[in-house]
Protein backbone atom coordinates (compact mmCIF):
# COMPACT_ATOMS: atom_id res chain seq x y z
CA MET A 1 0.82 -7.05 10.91
CA PRO A 2 1.27 -11.01 11.37
CA GLY A 3 3.29 -12.48 8.27
CA TYR A 4 4.30 -8.96 7.21
CA PRO A 5 8.03 -8.39 7.19
CA CYS A 6 8.81 -4.97 9.04
CA ASP A 7 11.64 -4.48 11.48
CA PRO A 8 10.66 -2.50 14.38
CA ALA A 9 14.32 -0.90 14.45
CA VAL A 10 13.65 0.26 10.72
CA ALA A 11 10.29 1.29 11.45
CA ARG A 12 11.55 3.70 14.43
CA LEU A 13 14.07 5.27 11.98
CA ALA A 14 11.03 6.28 9.84
CA ALA A 15 9.36 7.91 13.04
CA GLU A 16 12.41 9.72 14.22
CA GLU A 17 12.84 11.10 10.64
CA ALA A 18 9.24 12.55 10.64
CA ALA A 19 9.74 13.96 14.17
CA LEU A 20 13.05 15.29 14.01
CA GLU A 21 14.18 15.93 10.23
CA GLY A 22 10.82 16.71 8.50
CA TRP A 23 10.02 15.11 5.00
CA PRO A 24 11.62 16.20 1.67
CA ALA A 25 10.01 19.00 -0.31
CA ALA A 26 7.02 18.07 -2.26
CA VAL A 27 6.82 18.42 -5.99
CA ARG A 28 3.24 17.91 -6.37
CA ASP A 29 0.20 19.23 -4.27
CA THR A 30 -2.16 16.20 -4.94
CA VAL A 31 -1.55 12.73 -5.35
CA PRO A 32 -4.02 10.35 -7.14
CA VAL A 33 -4.84 7.08 -5.21
CA ASN A 34 -6.33 3.67 -5.77
CA ALA A 35 -9.58 2.29 -4.19
CA LEU A 36 -9.19 -1.09 -2.76
CA VAL A 37 -11.38 -4.17 -3.01
CA THR A 38 -11.21 -7.30 -0.96
CA ASP A 39 -14.49 -9.10 -1.58
CA ALA A 40 -17.56 -9.11 -3.55
CA ALA A 41 -19.38 -6.56 -1.42
CA PHE A 42 -18.04 -3.46 -3.27
CA ASP A 43 -19.60 -0.02 -4.06
CA VAL A 44 -19.60 0.29 -7.79
CA GLY A 45 -20.53 4.15 -7.37
CA ALA A 46 -17.56 4.90 -5.09
CA LEU A 47 -15.08 2.76 -7.52
CA ALA A 48 -16.05 5.10 -10.39
CA GLU A 49 -14.44 8.23 -8.35
CA TYR A 50 -10.82 6.54 -8.68
CA PRO A 51 -8.35 6.47 -11.15
CA ALA A 52 -7.46 2.89 -10.29
CA VAL A 53 -8.95 -0.20 -8.35
CA LYS A 54 -6.88 -2.67 -6.58
CA VAL A 55 -8.28 -6.23 -6.00
CA LYS A 56 -6.76 -8.51 -3.04
CA MET A 57 -6.74 -11.85 -4.44
CA LYS A 58 -6.70 -14.60 -1.65
CA GLU A 59 -6.96 -17.38 -4.00
CA PRO A 60 -6.36 -18.05 -7.66
CA GLY A 61 -10.17 -18.29 -8.25
CA ASP A 62 -10.62 -14.41 -7.16
CA VAL A 63 -9.95 -13.90 -10.79
CA ASP A 64 -13.83 -13.99 -10.87
CA LEU A 65 -13.68 -11.07 -8.29
CA VAL A 66 -11.15 -9.17 -10.51
CA ALA A 67 -13.54 -9.92 -13.57
CA ALA A 68 -16.56 -8.42 -11.77
CA VAL A 69 -14.84 -5.28 -10.67
CA ARG A 70 -13.86 -4.84 -14.64
CA ASP A 71 -17.48 -5.11 -15.56
CA ALA A 72 -18.35 -2.78 -12.89
CA VAL A 73 -16.09 -0.08 -13.65
CA GLY A 74 -15.59 -0.76 -17.64
CA ASP A 75 -12.56 0.49 -19.11
CA ARG A 76 -12.27 3.76 -17.56
CA VAL A 77 -10.74 2.70 -14.31
CA ALA A 78 -7.32 0.97 -14.36
CA LEU A 79 -7.36 -2.57 -12.61
CA ARG A 80 -4.65 -4.07 -10.63
CA ALA A 81 -4.39 -7.41 -8.73
CA ASP A 82 -2.26 -8.14 -5.52
CA ALA A 83 -1.33 -11.84 -4.45
CA ASN A 84 0.79 -10.69 -1.46
CA GLY A 85 3.38 -13.36 -2.68
CA ALA A 86 0.96 -16.30 -2.19
CA TRP A 87 1.31 -18.40 -5.38
CA ASP A 88 3.96 -20.46 -6.87
CA VAL A 89 5.57 -19.76 -10.16
CA GLU A 90 3.47 -22.18 -12.12
CA THR A 91 0.12 -20.70 -10.36
CA ALA A 92 1.38 -16.95 -10.84
CA ILE A 93 1.85 -17.57 -14.77
CA ALA A 94 -1.40 -19.44 -15.10
CA VAL A 95 -3.61 -16.82 -13.03
CA ILE A 96 -1.77 -13.76 -14.78
CA GLY A 97 -2.51 -15.21 -18.08
CA ARG A 98 -6.24 -15.00 -17.26
CA LEU A 99 -5.83 -11.37 -15.67
CA ALA A 100 -4.15 -10.37 -18.99
CA ARG A 101 -7.65 -10.84 -20.50
CA LEU A 102 -9.15 -8.28 -18.35
CA GLY A 103 -6.84 -5.74 -19.23
CA VAL A 104 -5.05 -5.66 -15.89
CA GLU A 105 -2.56 -2.59 -15.18
CA LEU A 106 -0.20 -4.69 -13.31
CA VAL A 107 0.01 -7.48 -10.51
CA GLU A 108 1.74 -6.90 -7.26
CA GLN A 109 3.84 -9.68 -5.83
CA PRO A 110 2.23 -12.65 -7.29
CA VAL A 111 5.43 -14.90 -5.68
CA ALA A 112 7.42 -14.57 -2.70
CA SER A 113 10.72 -14.16 -3.81
CA LEU A 114 12.86 -11.71 -6.30
CA GLU A 115 14.02 -14.84 -8.15
CA ASP A 116 10.62 -15.96 -8.54
CA LEU A 117 9.31 -12.61 -9.65
CA ALA A 118 11.95 -12.73 -12.38
CA GLU A 119 10.94 -16.27 -13.49
CA VAL A 120 7.32 -15.16 -13.56
CA ARG A 121 8.02 -11.90 -15.23
CA ARG A 122 9.81 -13.61 -18.12
CA HIS A 123 6.62 -15.92 -19.04
CA VAL A 124 3.92 -12.97 -18.85
CA ASP A 125 2.83 -9.92 -20.76
CA VAL A 126 1.14 -8.06 -17.57
CA PRO A 127 3.52 -5.63 -15.70
CA ILE A 128 4.60 -7.01 -12.28
CA ALA A 129 5.15 -4.85 -9.13
CA ALA A 130 7.35 -6.00 -6.26
CA ASP A 131 6.24 -5.27 -2.61
CA GLU A 132 7.05 -7.61 0.49
CA CYS A 133 10.55 -8.65 -1.07
CA ILE A 134 11.70 -5.20 -1.14
CA ARG A 135 13.25 -4.14 2.49
CA SER A 136 16.58 -2.72 1.95
CA PRO A 137 19.13 -1.04 -0.67
CA ASP A 138 20.35 -4.50 -1.20
CA ASP A 139 16.92 -5.84 -2.14
CA ALA A 140 16.45 -3.04 -4.75
CA ARG A 141 19.81 -3.76 -6.28
CA GLY A 142 18.83 -7.55 -6.51
CA LEU A 143 15.52 -6.43 -8.46
CA ARG A 144 17.62 -4.40 -10.76
CA ALA A 145 20.01 -7.07 -11.31
CA LEU A 146 17.59 -9.81 -11.88
CA ASP A 147 15.20 -7.60 -13.96
CA ALA A 148 12.49 -8.80 -11.69
CA ALA A 149 9.83 -5.95 -11.73
CA ASP A 150 8.47 -3.37 -13.65
CA ALA A 151 7.37 -1.33 -10.53
CA VAL A 152 8.26 -1.37 -6.98
CA VAL A 153 5.60 -0.58 -4.03
CA LEU A 154 7.05 1.38 -1.45
CA LYS A 155 6.00 1.20 2.39
CA VAL A 156 7.68 4.21 4.50
CA GLN A 157 7.64 2.50 7.79
CA PRO A 158 9.32 -0.81 7.15
CA LEU A 159 11.78 0.99 4.60
CA GLY A 160 12.80 3.23 7.38
CA GLY A 161 11.69 6.76 6.38
CA VAL A 162 10.85 8.68 3.13
CA ARG A 163 14.45 9.41 2.20
CA ARG A 164 15.39 5.73 2.45
CA ALA A 165 12.28 4.93 0.34
CA ILE A 166 13.42 7.38 -2.28
CA GLU A 167 16.84 5.87 -2.24
CA ILE A 168 15.33 2.38 -2.39
CA ALA A 169 13.29 3.47 -5.51
CA GLU A 170 16.43 4.98 -7.25
CA LEU A 171 18.41 1.73 -6.73
CA ALA A 172 15.48 -0.35 -8.28
CA GLY A 173 15.51 1.80 -11.35
CA VAL A 174 11.72 1.10 -11.76
CA PRO A 175 8.71 3.41 -11.19
CA ALA A 176 7.56 3.65 -7.47
CA ILE A 177 4.17 3.15 -5.87
CA PRO A 178 3.72 4.58 -2.51
CA THR A 179 1.25 2.53 -0.56
CA SER A 180 0.09 2.33 3.29
CA MET A 181 -1.27 -0.44 5.31
CA MET A 182 -3.62 -0.13 8.22
CA GLU A 183 -2.54 3.26 9.70
CA THR A 184 -3.97 6.29 10.99
CA SER A 185 -3.88 9.66 9.23
CA VAL A 186 -0.26 10.16 10.72
CA GLY A 187 1.33 7.01 8.93
CA VAL A 188 -0.71 7.66 5.63
CA ALA A 189 0.86 11.03 5.88
CA ALA A 190 4.41 9.65 5.57
CA GLY A 191 3.46 7.77 2.54
CA LEU A 192 1.77 10.72 1.27
CA ALA A 193 5.20 12.56 1.62
CA LEU A 194 6.94 10.12 -0.26
CA ALA A 195 4.58 10.32 -3.02
CA ALA A 196 4.50 14.08 -3.32
CA ALA A 197 8.35 14.14 -3.15
CA LEU A 198 9.16 11.59 -5.95
CA PRO A 199 10.39 12.97 -9.34
CA GLU A 200 7.82 11.05 -11.04
CA LEU A 201 4.61 9.29 -10.22
CA PRO A 202 3.11 7.34 -13.26
CA TYR A 203 0.74 5.00 -10.83
CA ALA A 204 -2.00 5.87 -8.61
CA CYS A 205 -0.76 5.29 -4.94
CA GLY A 206 -2.09 2.89 -2.55
CA LEU A 207 -2.70 5.55 0.15
CA ALA A 208 -6.72 5.34 0.44
CA THR A 209 -6.65 3.28 3.57
CA VAL A 210 -7.58 5.65 6.72
CA ALA A 211 -11.32 4.63 6.38
CA LEU A 212 -10.38 1.07 6.86
CA LEU A 213 -9.50 1.70 10.60
CA PRO A 214 -12.36 2.10 12.91
CA GLY A 215 -10.92 5.41 14.43
CA ASP A 216 -8.22 7.83 13.84
CA VAL A 217 -6.02 9.98 15.87
CA THR A 218 -6.85 13.40 14.10
CA ASP A 219 -10.22 15.22 13.74
CA ASP A 220 -9.46 15.88 9.92
CA PRO A 221 -8.41 12.36 8.58
CA LEU A 222 -6.41 12.01 5.28
CA VAL A 223 -9.26 10.69 3.08
CA PRO A 224 -9.34 11.14 -0.68
CA HIS A 225 -11.69 13.45 -2.71
CA ALA A 226 -12.16 12.67 -6.44
CA GLY A 227 -9.87 9.76 -6.34
CA ALA A 228 -6.81 11.88 -4.81
CA LEU A 229 -5.40 13.09 -1.56
CA GLN A 230 -4.27 16.65 -0.76
CA VAL A 231 -0.62 16.98 0.36
CA ARG A 232 -1.13 18.56 3.78
CA ALA A 233 0.16 18.25 7.23
CA VAL A 234 -1.83 16.03 9.63
CA VAL A 235 -2.47 17.48 13.49
CA PRO A 236 -3.42 15.00 15.86
CA SER A 237 -6.26 15.70 18.25
CA PRO A 238 -4.87 15.50 22.21
CA SER A 239 -8.56 14.01 23.27
CA LEU A 240 -8.17 11.31 20.38
CA LEU A 241 -4.74 10.46 21.45
CA ASP A 242 -5.79 10.19 24.98
CA ARG A 243 -7.91 7.22 24.25
CA TYR A 244 -5.02 5.38 23.32
CA SER A 245 -2.63 6.19 26.00
CA GLU A 246 -1.59 3.59 28.52
CA ALA A 247 -3.54 5.33 31.43
CA SER A 248 -6.57 5.25 29.41
CA GLN A 249 -6.16 1.56 28.18
CA ASP A 250 -5.47 0.60 32.03
CA VAL A 251 -8.95 2.45 33.09
CA SER A 252 -10.70 0.47 30.04
CA SER A 253 -9.18 -2.94 31.47
CA SER A 254 -10.31 -2.31 35.26
CA ALA A 255 -13.62 -1.12 34.05
CA SER A 256 -13.98 -4.21 32.05
CA SER A 257 -12.70 -6.43 34.90
CA ALA A 258 -15.10 -4.93 37.23
CA GLY A 259 -17.99 -5.48 34.96
CA ARG A 260 -17.14 -9.13 34.39
CA SER A 261 -16.75 -9.44 38.61
CA ARG A 262 -20.30 -8.35 39.04
């Protein structure tokens, strides 16, 4: 995705692991997941089914959105905020101070760098999670040396596979939160395999994202039920895959061009 660090060569390692090695053995059958709120048009009833809700904060003023979600779900649901590294240290400290009054469970990547994360963490009481700034074993070692975060958000593809993600969690020395992005069920299955293999899973995972896409490549999508995902294999549908083949795209482009020429 634009602005999101992910080396294609490393992502290929994740694909090769899935295709050729398989994933580590699972130690759990289900994985709790969090709901995601990006704007004020959220479904209160749907959020109540989840153990946690994450609110995307585009601006510091989105504290009001976090407050609205807290009012809607009450204290029975854990609440998180994610700034995707958008703030400077001063802004992050001020905003997190306001979020603390809402009983926020943690704040993901309030600032961009590990050094700034460590600085923010020294001045706030809310737990801090690192995400975009962790892409390698060296990053994980740096997090641990700086004592920069209380948790680490792990996405399998930009880390190079499930095993590499587990290694990074071990090097970081803090709890891991497996998470996905805009992915089909095939991609989410990799994150689910990571969550299933971790020895401990203290936080709900950010893997309830399949419904954010307009389509999928399987007839049995990995969608949560009662706030959890069942650990299982995903079988792609040949007919659904065919829609995204190069030949199919060529036909669609030709048809579109023909339509414009009429």
